[in-house]
Amino acid sequence: MARPHNQIIVLILAVVFVAACGSAPMPTSPPTAVPSTPIVTVSAPTNPPPTVAPTTAPPTPTNTATPVPPTAAPPTETFPERTDSMKIRITLEDAVITATLTDSKTTQDFISLLPLTLTLEDYAGTEKISDLPKKLSTEDAPSGSDPAVGDITYYAPWGNLAIFYRDFGYASGLVILGKIDGGIEALNVPGSVKATIELLK
């Protein structure tokens, strides 16, 4: 009865082998290392710098117009005063008239020529004119004048005496010497008039 006994032995060996295999540890693969991701922490500033606002705004120009340079005013015409101590007499053919002279250097120069006998020629139906023996000083005299009826004047560019019996406009180089006191119509005649001019004492 040897075969059944051999089978029992084989069965026991098989059981022991299976038990031995079940109790042996199974080989495991080593764990794969996972690289760690660095964590970066960004800290926000706790005290941000304050924003400084301008305290005053730049001034805004109120007038943007281009300034215009001021226009120069024409020179003011000044006339020397007439004085009773400087009176002259003008003797015509049919009348005698007087005049009061101004106090100026030009007038003083004119008085130094008196007495004078002149032939007054008519000019432009406005004035009677005559050349003088010499030119008069124009020191401190205005650059020109606007004569009125009865004015006795000296026209520096020509060096002549001019007595206006009609109104006239401004003339450069005209210096007023004085004014006829009355009777200017005696000169408002056509043609020339002979006249003697002398200083009244």
N, C-alpha and C. Protein backbone atom coordinates (compact mmCIF):
# COMPACT_ATOMS: atom_id res chain seq x y z
N MET A 1 0.86 -1.15 0.00
CA MET A 1 0.00 0.00 0.00
C MET A 1 0.90 1.21 0.00
N ALA A 2 1.97 1.12 -0.82
CA ALA A 2 2.97 2.21 -0.82
C ALA A 2 2.51 3.44 -1.57
N ARG A 3 1.68 3.41 -2.58
CA ARG A 3 1.26 4.58 -3.40
C ARG A 3 0.47 5.55 -2.59
N PRO A 4 -0.56 5.19 -1.77
CA PRO A 4 -1.32 6.17 -1.00
C PRO A 4 -0.41 6.87 -0.03
N HIS A 5 0.53 6.29 0.48
CA HIS A 5 1.44 6.94 1.42
C HIS A 5 2.27 7.96 0.71
N ASN A 6 2.71 7.62 -0.46
CA ASN A 6 3.49 8.63 -1.25
C ASN A 6 2.65 9.81 -1.61
N GLN A 7 1.45 9.62 -1.87
CA GLN A 7 0.56 10.75 -2.24
C GLN A 7 0.37 11.68 -1.05
N ILE A 8 0.28 11.08 0.15
CA ILE A 8 0.10 11.91 1.36
C ILE A 8 1.34 12.74 1.56
N ILE A 9 2.47 12.18 1.34
CA ILE A 9 3.73 12.92 1.55
C ILE A 9 3.83 14.06 0.56
N VAL A 10 3.47 13.75 -0.68
CA VAL A 10 3.53 14.80 -1.71
C VAL A 10 2.59 15.92 -1.38
N LEU A 11 1.41 15.58 -0.84
CA LEU A 11 0.40 16.59 -0.51
C LEU A 11 0.90 17.46 0.62
N ILE A 12 1.53 16.80 1.59
CA ILE A 12 2.04 17.59 2.73
C ILE A 12 3.14 18.55 2.26
N LEU A 13 4.02 18.08 1.38
CA LEU A 13 5.08 18.93 0.88
C LEU A 13 4.52 20.13 0.10
N ALA A 14 3.45 19.84 -0.64
CA ALA A 14 2.83 20.93 -1.43
C ALA A 14 2.25 21.97 -0.52
N VAL A 15 1.62 21.47 0.60
CA VAL A 15 0.99 22.44 1.53
C VAL A 15 2.06 23.28 2.19
N VAL A 16 3.18 22.58 2.56
CA VAL A 16 4.27 23.33 3.22
C VAL A 16 4.85 24.36 2.26
N PHE A 17 5.00 24.00 1.00
CA PHE A 17 5.57 24.91 0.03
C PHE A 17 4.70 26.13 -0.18
N VAL A 18 3.39 25.82 -0.28
CA VAL A 18 2.44 26.94 -0.49
C VAL A 18 2.47 27.85 0.71
N ALA A 19 2.53 27.26 1.92
CA ALA A 19 2.54 28.08 3.13
C ALA A 19 3.81 28.92 3.17
N ALA A 20 4.92 28.29 2.74
CA ALA A 20 6.19 29.03 2.76
C ALA A 20 6.16 30.18 1.78
N CYS A 21 5.59 29.93 0.63
CA CYS A 21 5.49 31.02 -0.37
C CYS A 21 4.60 32.13 0.11
N GLY A 22 3.52 31.80 0.82
CA GLY A 22 2.59 32.84 1.27
C GLY A 22 3.18 33.72 2.35
N SER A 23 4.06 33.13 3.18
CA SER A 23 4.61 33.93 4.29
C SER A 23 5.82 34.75 3.88
N ALA A 24 6.46 34.50 2.69
CA ALA A 24 7.65 35.26 2.26
C ALA A 24 7.24 36.65 1.78
N PRO A 25 7.97 37.68 2.18
CA PRO A 25 7.61 39.07 1.75
C PRO A 25 7.84 39.26 0.27
N MET A 26 6.90 39.98 -0.36
CA MET A 26 6.97 40.25 -1.80
C MET A 26 7.87 41.46 -2.03
N PRO A 27 8.76 41.34 -2.95
CA PRO A 27 9.65 42.52 -3.23
C PRO A 27 8.84 43.69 -3.76
N THR A 28 9.13 44.90 -3.24
CA THR A 28 8.40 46.12 -3.69
C THR A 28 9.40 47.08 -4.33
N SER A 29 8.88 47.79 -5.26
CA SER A 29 9.75 48.78 -5.94
C SER A 29 9.97 49.97 -5.04
N PRO A 30 11.17 50.52 -5.05
CA PRO A 30 11.46 51.69 -4.20
C PRO A 30 10.59 52.90 -4.59
N PRO A 31 10.17 53.63 -3.59
CA PRO A 31 9.28 54.79 -3.90
C PRO A 31 10.01 55.82 -4.74
N THR A 32 9.25 56.38 -5.69
CA THR A 32 9.81 57.45 -6.57
C THR A 32 9.77 58.80 -5.86
N ALA A 33 10.93 59.43 -5.77
CA ALA A 33 10.99 60.73 -5.06
C ALA A 33 10.40 61.82 -5.93
N VAL A 34 9.45 62.52 -5.37
CA VAL A 34 8.81 63.65 -6.10
C VAL A 34 9.47 64.94 -5.65
N PRO A 35 10.07 65.64 -6.57
CA PRO A 35 10.75 66.90 -6.16
C PRO A 35 9.75 67.89 -5.59
N SER A 36 10.14 68.48 -4.51
CA SER A 36 9.22 69.45 -3.87
C SER A 36 9.33 70.80 -4.56
N THR A 37 8.17 71.42 -4.80
CA THR A 37 8.12 72.76 -5.45
C THR A 37 8.31 73.85 -4.41
N PRO A 38 9.34 74.69 -4.57
CA PRO A 38 9.56 75.73 -3.55
C PRO A 38 8.40 76.71 -3.54
N ILE A 39 8.00 77.08 -2.37
CA ILE A 39 6.88 78.03 -2.22
C ILE A 39 7.47 79.40 -1.94
N VAL A 40 7.16 80.32 -2.84
CA VAL A 40 7.66 81.70 -2.70
C VAL A 40 6.57 82.56 -2.11
N THR A 41 6.86 83.15 -1.01
CA THR A 41 5.87 84.01 -0.35
C THR A 41 6.20 85.46 -0.61
N VAL A 42 5.27 86.22 -1.26
CA VAL A 42 5.45 87.66 -1.55
C VAL A 42 4.69 88.44 -0.51
N SER A 43 5.42 89.19 0.25
CA SER A 43 4.76 89.96 1.31
C SER A 43 4.48 91.36 0.80
N ALA A 44 3.26 91.78 0.94
CA ALA A 44 2.86 93.13 0.52
C ALA A 44 3.36 94.13 1.53
N PRO A 45 3.79 95.34 1.06
CA PRO A 45 4.27 96.34 2.02
C PRO A 45 3.16 96.74 2.96
N THR A 46 3.52 96.78 4.20
CA THR A 46 2.50 97.13 5.20
C THR A 46 2.19 98.61 5.21
N ASN A 47 3.22 99.46 4.88
CA ASN A 47 3.00 100.91 4.89
C ASN A 47 3.41 101.49 3.53
N PRO A 48 2.52 101.56 2.54
CA PRO A 48 2.88 102.13 1.22
C PRO A 48 3.22 103.60 1.37
N PRO A 49 4.17 104.10 0.53
CA PRO A 49 4.55 105.52 0.62
C PRO A 49 3.36 106.41 0.30
N PRO A 50 3.14 107.45 1.11
CA PRO A 50 1.97 108.32 0.86
C PRO A 50 2.13 109.12 -0.41
N THR A 51 1.03 109.35 -1.08
CA THR A 51 1.02 110.20 -2.29
C THR A 51 0.89 111.66 -1.87
N VAL A 52 1.88 112.48 -2.27
CA VAL A 52 1.88 113.89 -1.87
C VAL A 52 1.26 114.71 -2.99
N ALA A 53 0.15 115.34 -2.68
CA ALA A 53 -0.53 116.19 -3.66
C ALA A 53 -0.02 117.61 -3.52
N PRO A 54 0.13 118.35 -4.64
CA PRO A 54 0.60 119.75 -4.53
C PRO A 54 -0.39 120.57 -3.74
N THR A 55 0.16 121.40 -2.85
CA THR A 55 -0.72 122.21 -2.00
C THR A 55 -1.29 123.40 -2.74
N THR A 56 -0.49 123.97 -3.68
CA THR A 56 -0.99 125.12 -4.44
C THR A 56 -0.79 124.86 -5.92
N ALA A 57 -1.78 125.19 -6.71
CA ALA A 57 -1.69 125.02 -8.17
C ALA A 57 -0.93 126.19 -8.76
N PRO A 58 -0.18 125.98 -9.86
CA PRO A 58 0.52 127.11 -10.49
C PRO A 58 -0.47 128.15 -10.95
N PRO A 59 -0.11 129.43 -10.83
CA PRO A 59 -1.06 130.49 -11.21
C PRO A 59 -1.42 130.41 -12.68
N THR A 60 -2.69 130.59 -12.96
CA THR A 60 -3.17 130.59 -14.34
C THR A 60 -3.20 132.01 -14.85
N PRO A 61 -2.53 132.32 -15.97
CA PRO A 61 -2.55 133.69 -16.47
C PRO A 61 -3.97 134.10 -16.82
N THR A 62 -4.34 135.28 -16.35
CA THR A 62 -5.70 135.76 -16.60
C THR A 62 -5.81 136.53 -17.90
N ASN A 63 -4.68 137.07 -18.36
CA ASN A 63 -4.74 137.85 -19.59
C ASN A 63 -3.75 137.26 -20.57
N THR A 64 -4.27 136.64 -21.63
CA THR A 64 -3.40 136.00 -22.62
C THR A 64 -3.16 136.90 -23.82
N ALA A 65 -3.69 138.09 -23.79
CA ALA A 65 -3.52 138.98 -24.93
C ALA A 65 -2.08 139.47 -25.01
N THR A 66 -1.59 139.66 -26.23
CA THR A 66 -0.24 140.16 -26.43
C THR A 66 -0.18 141.63 -26.06
N PRO A 67 0.73 141.98 -25.13
CA PRO A 67 0.76 143.39 -24.76
C PRO A 67 1.14 144.27 -25.92
N VAL A 68 0.52 145.39 -26.01
CA VAL A 68 0.78 146.34 -27.08
C VAL A 68 1.60 147.49 -26.51
N PRO A 69 2.70 147.73 -27.11
CA PRO A 69 3.46 148.82 -26.60
C PRO A 69 2.74 150.11 -26.70
N PRO A 70 2.85 150.92 -25.69
CA PRO A 70 2.13 152.18 -25.72
C PRO A 70 2.60 153.08 -26.83
N THR A 71 1.64 153.82 -27.43
CA THR A 71 1.98 154.75 -28.49
C THR A 71 2.48 156.05 -27.89
N ALA A 72 3.61 156.51 -28.38
CA ALA A 72 4.18 157.74 -27.86
C ALA A 72 3.31 158.92 -28.22
N ALA A 73 2.98 159.77 -27.24
CA ALA A 73 2.15 160.94 -27.47
C ALA A 73 3.00 162.03 -28.13
N PRO A 74 2.39 162.87 -29.01
CA PRO A 74 3.14 163.96 -29.63
C PRO A 74 3.61 164.93 -28.57
N PRO A 75 4.73 165.58 -28.81
CA PRO A 75 5.25 166.51 -27.80
C PRO A 75 4.26 167.63 -27.52
N THR A 76 4.13 167.98 -26.23
CA THR A 76 3.22 169.04 -25.84
C THR A 76 3.79 170.38 -26.24
N GLU A 77 2.96 171.17 -26.91
CA GLU A 77 3.41 172.47 -27.38
C GLU A 77 3.28 173.47 -26.25
N THR A 78 4.37 174.14 -25.93
CA THR A 78 4.35 175.13 -24.86
C THR A 78 4.59 176.52 -25.45
N PHE A 79 3.89 177.49 -24.92
CA PHE A 79 4.02 178.86 -25.40
C PHE A 79 4.52 179.75 -24.28
N PRO A 80 5.54 180.60 -24.54
CA PRO A 80 5.98 181.53 -23.52
C PRO A 80 4.91 182.58 -23.24
N GLU A 81 4.93 183.11 -22.05
CA GLU A 81 3.93 184.10 -21.65
C GLU A 81 4.18 185.44 -22.35
N ARG A 82 3.05 186.13 -22.66
CA ARG A 82 3.16 187.50 -23.17
C ARG A 82 3.19 188.44 -21.99
N THR A 83 3.94 189.50 -22.11
CA THR A 83 4.07 190.46 -21.01
C THR A 83 3.89 191.88 -21.53
N ASP A 84 3.25 192.73 -20.71
CA ASP A 84 2.98 194.11 -21.12
C ASP A 84 4.26 194.93 -21.24
N SER A 85 5.35 194.46 -20.63
CA SER A 85 6.60 195.21 -20.71
C SER A 85 7.29 195.02 -22.06
N MET A 86 6.71 194.17 -22.92
CA MET A 86 7.30 193.91 -24.24
C MET A 86 6.26 194.19 -25.32
N LYS A 87 5.87 195.45 -25.41
CA LYS A 87 4.90 195.88 -26.42
C LYS A 87 5.61 196.57 -27.57
N ILE A 88 5.07 196.38 -28.77
CA ILE A 88 5.60 197.05 -29.95
C ILE A 88 4.48 197.80 -30.66
N ARG A 89 4.90 198.76 -31.46
CA ARG A 89 3.95 199.51 -32.28
C ARG A 89 4.29 199.26 -33.73
N ILE A 90 3.24 198.96 -34.54
CA ILE A 90 3.41 198.73 -35.97
C ILE A 90 2.67 199.86 -36.70
N THR A 91 3.43 200.69 -37.37
CA THR A 91 2.86 201.84 -38.08
C THR A 91 2.73 201.48 -39.56
N LEU A 92 1.48 201.46 -40.04
CA LEU A 92 1.19 201.17 -41.45
C LEU A 92 0.89 202.48 -42.17
N GLU A 93 0.58 202.39 -43.44
CA GLU A 93 0.28 203.59 -44.22
C GLU A 93 -1.01 204.25 -43.73
N ASP A 94 -2.01 203.44 -43.33
CA ASP A 94 -3.30 203.99 -42.96
C ASP A 94 -3.73 203.65 -41.54
N ALA A 95 -2.85 202.98 -40.76
CA ALA A 95 -3.25 202.59 -39.41
C ALA A 95 -2.03 202.39 -38.54
N VAL A 96 -2.28 202.47 -37.23
CA VAL A 96 -1.25 202.17 -36.24
C VAL A 96 -1.83 201.12 -35.30
N ILE A 97 -1.14 199.99 -35.18
CA ILE A 97 -1.61 198.91 -34.30
C ILE A 97 -0.50 198.55 -33.32
N THR A 98 -0.90 197.96 -32.20
CA THR A 98 0.08 197.52 -31.19
C THR A 98 0.01 196.01 -31.05
N ALA A 99 1.07 195.48 -30.45
CA ALA A 99 1.14 194.03 -30.22
C ALA A 99 1.90 193.78 -28.93
N THR A 100 1.61 192.65 -28.28
CA THR A 100 2.30 192.22 -27.06
C THR A 100 3.15 191.01 -27.39
N LEU A 101 4.43 191.09 -27.07
CA LEU A 101 5.35 190.02 -27.40
C LEU A 101 5.48 189.03 -26.24
N THR A 102 5.92 187.83 -26.59
CA THR A 102 6.19 186.79 -25.58
C THR A 102 7.60 186.97 -25.03
N ASP A 103 7.86 186.35 -23.90
CA ASP A 103 9.18 186.43 -23.29
C ASP A 103 9.96 185.17 -23.66
N SER A 104 10.78 185.26 -24.67
CA SER A 104 11.58 184.12 -25.12
C SER A 104 12.88 184.63 -25.72
N LYS A 105 13.82 183.72 -25.92
CA LYS A 105 15.10 184.10 -26.50
C LYS A 105 14.94 184.54 -27.95
N THR A 106 14.01 183.93 -28.66
CA THR A 106 13.76 184.33 -30.05
C THR A 106 13.21 185.76 -30.09
N THR A 107 12.29 186.07 -29.17
CA THR A 107 11.72 187.41 -29.12
C THR A 107 12.78 188.44 -28.75
N GLN A 108 13.62 188.12 -27.77
CA GLN A 108 14.68 189.05 -27.38
C GLN A 108 15.60 189.36 -28.56
N ASP A 109 15.87 188.33 -29.36
CA ASP A 109 16.70 188.53 -30.55
C ASP A 109 15.99 189.44 -31.55
N PHE A 110 14.67 189.28 -31.67
CA PHE A 110 13.89 190.13 -32.58
C PHE A 110 13.89 191.58 -32.09
N ILE A 111 13.70 191.78 -30.79
CA ILE A 111 13.67 193.14 -30.24
C ILE A 111 15.00 193.86 -30.47
N SER A 112 16.08 193.12 -30.47
CA SER A 112 17.41 193.72 -30.67
C SER A 112 17.54 194.35 -32.07
N LEU A 113 16.66 193.97 -32.99
CA LEU A 113 16.70 194.51 -34.35
C LEU A 113 15.89 195.80 -34.49
N LEU A 114 15.04 196.11 -33.52
CA LEU A 114 14.13 197.26 -33.63
C LEU A 114 14.88 198.58 -33.38
N PRO A 115 14.40 199.64 -34.06
CA PRO A 115 13.24 199.71 -34.98
C PRO A 115 13.60 199.17 -36.36
N LEU A 116 12.54 198.71 -37.04
CA LEU A 116 12.68 198.14 -38.38
C LEU A 116 11.61 198.74 -39.29
N THR A 117 11.99 199.00 -40.52
CA THR A 117 11.02 199.36 -41.54
C THR A 117 11.07 198.28 -42.61
N LEU A 118 9.93 197.60 -42.79
CA LEU A 118 9.86 196.42 -43.67
C LEU A 118 8.76 196.59 -44.69
N THR A 119 8.89 195.86 -45.77
CA THR A 119 7.80 195.73 -46.73
C THR A 119 7.21 194.34 -46.54
N LEU A 120 5.97 194.30 -46.03
CA LEU A 120 5.30 193.03 -45.75
C LEU A 120 4.60 192.55 -47.02
N GLU A 121 5.08 191.44 -47.57
CA GLU A 121 4.48 190.86 -48.77
C GLU A 121 3.35 189.90 -48.38
N ASP A 122 2.33 189.85 -49.23
CA ASP A 122 1.23 188.92 -48.96
C ASP A 122 1.65 187.50 -49.36
N TYR A 123 1.27 186.53 -48.53
CA TYR A 123 1.62 185.13 -48.82
C TYR A 123 0.40 184.25 -48.61
N ALA A 124 -0.05 183.62 -49.71
CA ALA A 124 -1.12 182.61 -49.71
C ALA A 124 -2.44 183.17 -49.18
N GLY A 125 -2.64 184.50 -49.23
CA GLY A 125 -3.89 185.08 -48.75
C GLY A 125 -4.14 184.78 -47.28
N THR A 126 -3.06 184.58 -46.53
CA THR A 126 -3.18 184.18 -45.12
C THR A 126 -2.31 185.02 -44.20
N GLU A 127 -1.16 185.48 -44.70
CA GLU A 127 -0.19 186.14 -43.83
C GLU A 127 0.59 187.19 -44.62
N LYS A 128 1.20 188.08 -43.86
CA LYS A 128 2.11 189.07 -44.44
C LYS A 128 3.51 188.71 -43.93
N ILE A 129 4.47 188.61 -44.88
CA ILE A 129 5.81 188.15 -44.51
C ILE A 129 6.87 189.14 -45.01
N SER A 130 8.04 189.08 -44.34
CA SER A 130 9.17 189.89 -44.77
C SER A 130 10.45 189.27 -44.22
N ASP A 131 11.52 189.35 -45.01
CA ASP A 131 12.83 188.89 -44.54
C ASP A 131 13.33 189.82 -43.45
N LEU A 132 14.12 189.27 -42.52
CA LEU A 132 14.74 190.04 -41.45
C LEU A 132 16.23 190.23 -41.75
N PRO A 133 16.86 191.23 -41.15
CA PRO A 133 18.28 191.47 -41.43
C PRO A 133 19.17 190.29 -41.06
N LYS A 134 18.75 189.47 -40.12
CA LYS A 134 19.55 188.30 -39.72
C LYS A 134 18.59 187.23 -39.18
N LYS A 135 19.10 186.03 -39.07
CA LYS A 135 18.31 184.94 -38.50
C LYS A 135 18.28 185.07 -36.98
N LEU A 136 17.15 184.70 -36.40
CA LEU A 136 16.97 184.80 -34.96
C LEU A 136 17.33 183.49 -34.27
N SER A 137 17.65 183.58 -33.00
CA SER A 137 17.93 182.39 -32.20
C SER A 137 16.65 181.58 -31.99
N THR A 138 16.77 180.27 -32.07
CA THR A 138 15.62 179.39 -31.78
C THR A 138 15.92 178.51 -30.56
N GLU A 139 16.85 178.96 -29.73
CA GLU A 139 17.18 178.20 -28.52
C GLU A 139 15.97 178.13 -27.60
N ASP A 140 15.65 176.94 -27.12
CA ASP A 140 14.51 176.67 -26.24
C ASP A 140 13.16 176.87 -26.93
N ALA A 141 13.15 177.06 -28.24
CA ALA A 141 11.88 177.24 -28.96
C ALA A 141 11.25 175.89 -29.25
N PRO A 142 9.91 175.83 -29.36
CA PRO A 142 9.26 174.57 -29.71
C PRO A 142 9.60 174.16 -31.14
N SER A 143 9.34 172.89 -31.46
CA SER A 143 9.66 172.41 -32.81
C SER A 143 8.72 172.95 -33.86
N GLY A 144 7.58 173.47 -33.44
CA GLY A 144 6.61 174.03 -34.37
C GLY A 144 5.46 174.66 -33.62
N SER A 145 4.56 175.33 -34.35
CA SER A 145 3.43 176.01 -33.71
C SER A 145 2.22 175.99 -34.64
N ASP A 146 1.04 176.19 -34.03
CA ASP A 146 -0.22 176.30 -34.76
C ASP A 146 -0.73 177.72 -34.57
N PRO A 147 -0.44 178.61 -35.51
CA PRO A 147 -0.75 180.03 -35.30
C PRO A 147 -2.25 180.32 -35.43
N ALA A 148 -2.67 181.39 -34.76
CA ALA A 148 -4.05 181.88 -34.85
C ALA A 148 -4.03 183.27 -35.48
N VAL A 149 -5.22 183.79 -35.75
CA VAL A 149 -5.34 185.12 -36.35
C VAL A 149 -4.71 186.14 -35.40
N GLY A 150 -3.83 187.02 -35.96
CA GLY A 150 -3.19 188.07 -35.17
C GLY A 150 -1.84 187.68 -34.62
N ASP A 151 -1.39 186.43 -34.80
CA ASP A 151 -0.10 186.01 -34.26
C ASP A 151 1.05 186.58 -35.09
N ILE A 152 2.06 187.09 -34.38
CA ILE A 152 3.32 187.52 -35.00
C ILE A 152 4.31 186.37 -34.79
N THR A 153 4.90 185.88 -35.88
CA THR A 153 5.72 184.68 -35.78
C THR A 153 7.04 184.85 -36.52
N TYR A 154 7.92 183.92 -36.22
CA TYR A 154 9.20 183.83 -36.93
C TYR A 154 9.30 182.43 -37.52
N TYR A 155 9.47 182.37 -38.88
CA TYR A 155 9.58 181.08 -39.55
C TYR A 155 11.07 180.78 -39.74
N ALA A 156 11.58 179.89 -38.87
CA ALA A 156 13.02 179.63 -38.81
C ALA A 156 13.61 179.08 -40.11
N PRO A 157 12.92 178.16 -40.82
CA PRO A 157 13.55 177.62 -42.04
C PRO A 157 13.86 178.70 -43.09
N TRP A 158 13.04 179.75 -43.17
CA TRP A 158 13.27 180.81 -44.15
C TRP A 158 13.91 182.04 -43.52
N GLY A 159 13.85 182.16 -42.20
CA GLY A 159 14.41 183.33 -41.53
C GLY A 159 13.58 184.58 -41.73
N ASN A 160 12.24 184.44 -41.86
CA ASN A 160 11.42 185.62 -42.11
C ASN A 160 10.38 185.84 -41.02
N LEU A 161 9.88 187.08 -40.94
CA LEU A 161 8.80 187.46 -40.06
C LEU A 161 7.49 187.18 -40.77
N ALA A 162 6.48 186.67 -40.02
CA ALA A 162 5.17 186.36 -40.62
C ALA A 162 4.08 186.78 -39.64
N ILE A 163 3.16 187.62 -40.13
CA ILE A 163 2.03 188.07 -39.31
C ILE A 163 0.77 187.51 -39.96
N PHE A 164 0.00 186.69 -39.20
CA PHE A 164 -1.17 185.98 -39.74
C PHE A 164 -2.44 186.83 -39.56
N TYR A 165 -3.11 187.12 -40.67
CA TYR A 165 -4.40 187.78 -40.59
C TYR A 165 -5.55 186.79 -40.85
N ARG A 166 -5.20 185.54 -41.13
CA ARG A 166 -6.18 184.46 -41.22
C ARG A 166 -5.64 183.23 -40.49
N ASP A 167 -6.55 182.34 -40.11
CA ASP A 167 -6.14 181.15 -39.36
C ASP A 167 -5.31 180.23 -40.24
N PHE A 168 -4.43 179.50 -39.60
CA PHE A 168 -3.54 178.59 -40.33
C PHE A 168 -3.29 177.37 -39.46
N GLY A 169 -2.86 176.27 -40.08
CA GLY A 169 -2.58 175.03 -39.35
C GLY A 169 -1.17 174.99 -38.81
N TYR A 170 -0.86 173.84 -38.19
CA TYR A 170 0.46 173.65 -37.58
C TYR A 170 1.56 173.71 -38.64
N ALA A 171 2.66 174.38 -38.28
CA ALA A 171 3.82 174.46 -39.17
C ALA A 171 5.08 174.17 -38.36
N SER A 172 5.89 173.25 -38.86
CA SER A 172 7.15 172.93 -38.20
C SER A 172 8.13 174.08 -38.40
N GLY A 173 8.85 174.45 -37.34
CA GLY A 173 9.83 175.52 -37.42
C GLY A 173 9.26 176.91 -37.23
N LEU A 174 7.95 176.99 -36.93
CA LEU A 174 7.31 178.28 -36.72
C LEU A 174 7.34 178.62 -35.23
N VAL A 175 7.86 179.82 -34.90
CA VAL A 175 7.98 180.26 -33.51
C VAL A 175 7.12 181.50 -33.31
N ILE A 176 6.22 181.45 -32.32
CA ILE A 176 5.33 182.59 -32.06
C ILE A 176 6.08 183.63 -31.23
N LEU A 177 6.08 184.88 -31.72
CA LEU A 177 6.76 185.99 -31.04
C LEU A 177 5.79 186.81 -30.20
N GLY A 178 4.55 186.88 -30.60
CA GLY A 178 3.58 187.70 -29.88
C GLY A 178 2.26 187.72 -30.62
N LYS A 179 1.39 188.68 -30.25
CA LYS A 179 0.05 188.75 -30.86
C LYS A 179 -0.38 190.21 -30.98
N ILE A 180 -1.03 190.51 -32.12
CA ILE A 180 -1.59 191.83 -32.36
C ILE A 180 -2.70 192.08 -31.35
N ASP A 181 -2.69 193.27 -30.69
CA ASP A 181 -3.70 193.56 -29.67
C ASP A 181 -5.07 193.81 -30.30
N GLY A 182 -5.10 194.38 -31.49
CA GLY A 182 -6.36 194.67 -32.17
C GLY A 182 -6.09 195.37 -33.49
N GLY A 183 -7.09 195.34 -34.40
CA GLY A 183 -6.95 196.02 -35.69
C GLY A 183 -6.20 195.19 -36.72
N ILE A 184 -6.25 193.85 -36.60
CA ILE A 184 -5.53 192.99 -37.53
C ILE A 184 -6.07 193.13 -38.95
N GLU A 185 -7.32 193.61 -39.08
CA GLU A 185 -7.91 193.74 -40.42
C GLU A 185 -7.13 194.73 -41.28
N ALA A 186 -6.30 195.56 -40.66
CA ALA A 186 -5.49 196.51 -41.43
C ALA A 186 -4.49 195.78 -42.31
N LEU A 187 -4.15 194.55 -41.95
CA LEU A 187 -3.23 193.74 -42.76
C LEU A 187 -3.96 192.84 -43.75
N ASN A 188 -5.28 192.75 -43.61
CA ASN A 188 -6.04 191.87 -44.51
C ASN A 188 -6.41 192.64 -45.77
N VAL A 189 -5.38 192.97 -46.51
CA VAL A 189 -5.54 193.72 -47.77
C VAL A 189 -4.67 193.03 -48.82
N PRO A 190 -5.05 193.15 -50.09
CA PRO A 190 -4.23 192.54 -51.13
C PRO A 190 -2.90 193.28 -51.30
N GLY A 191 -1.90 192.54 -51.78
CA GLY A 191 -0.62 193.16 -52.08
C GLY A 191 0.23 193.38 -50.85
N SER A 192 1.27 194.16 -51.06
CA SER A 192 2.25 194.41 -50.00
C SER A 192 1.87 195.65 -49.19
N VAL A 193 2.43 195.70 -47.97
CA VAL A 193 2.17 196.81 -47.05
C VAL A 193 3.50 197.21 -46.42
N LYS A 194 3.78 198.53 -46.39
CA LYS A 194 4.99 199.01 -45.73
C LYS A 194 4.67 199.22 -44.26
N ALA A 195 5.57 198.77 -43.39
CA ALA A 195 5.35 198.86 -41.96
C ALA A 195 6.63 199.21 -41.23
N THR A 196 6.47 200.04 -40.19
CA THR A 196 7.58 200.38 -39.30
C THR A 196 7.27 199.77 -37.92
N ILE A 197 8.19 198.96 -37.42
CA ILE A 197 7.99 198.27 -36.15
C ILE A 197 9.00 198.83 -35.15
N GLU A 198 8.50 199.26 -33.99
CA GLU A 198 9.36 199.82 -32.95
C GLU A 198 8.89 199.39 -31.58
N LEU A 199 9.80 199.38 -30.64
CA LEU A 199 9.49 198.98 -29.27
C LEU A 199 8.89 200.16 -28.52
N LEU A 200 7.78 199.92 -27.82
CA LEU A 200 7.16 200.95 -26.99
C LEU A 200 7.88 201.02 -25.67
N LYS A 201 8.22 202.19 -25.23
CA LYS A 201 8.90 202.40 -23.95
C LYS A 201 7.87 202.42 -22.83
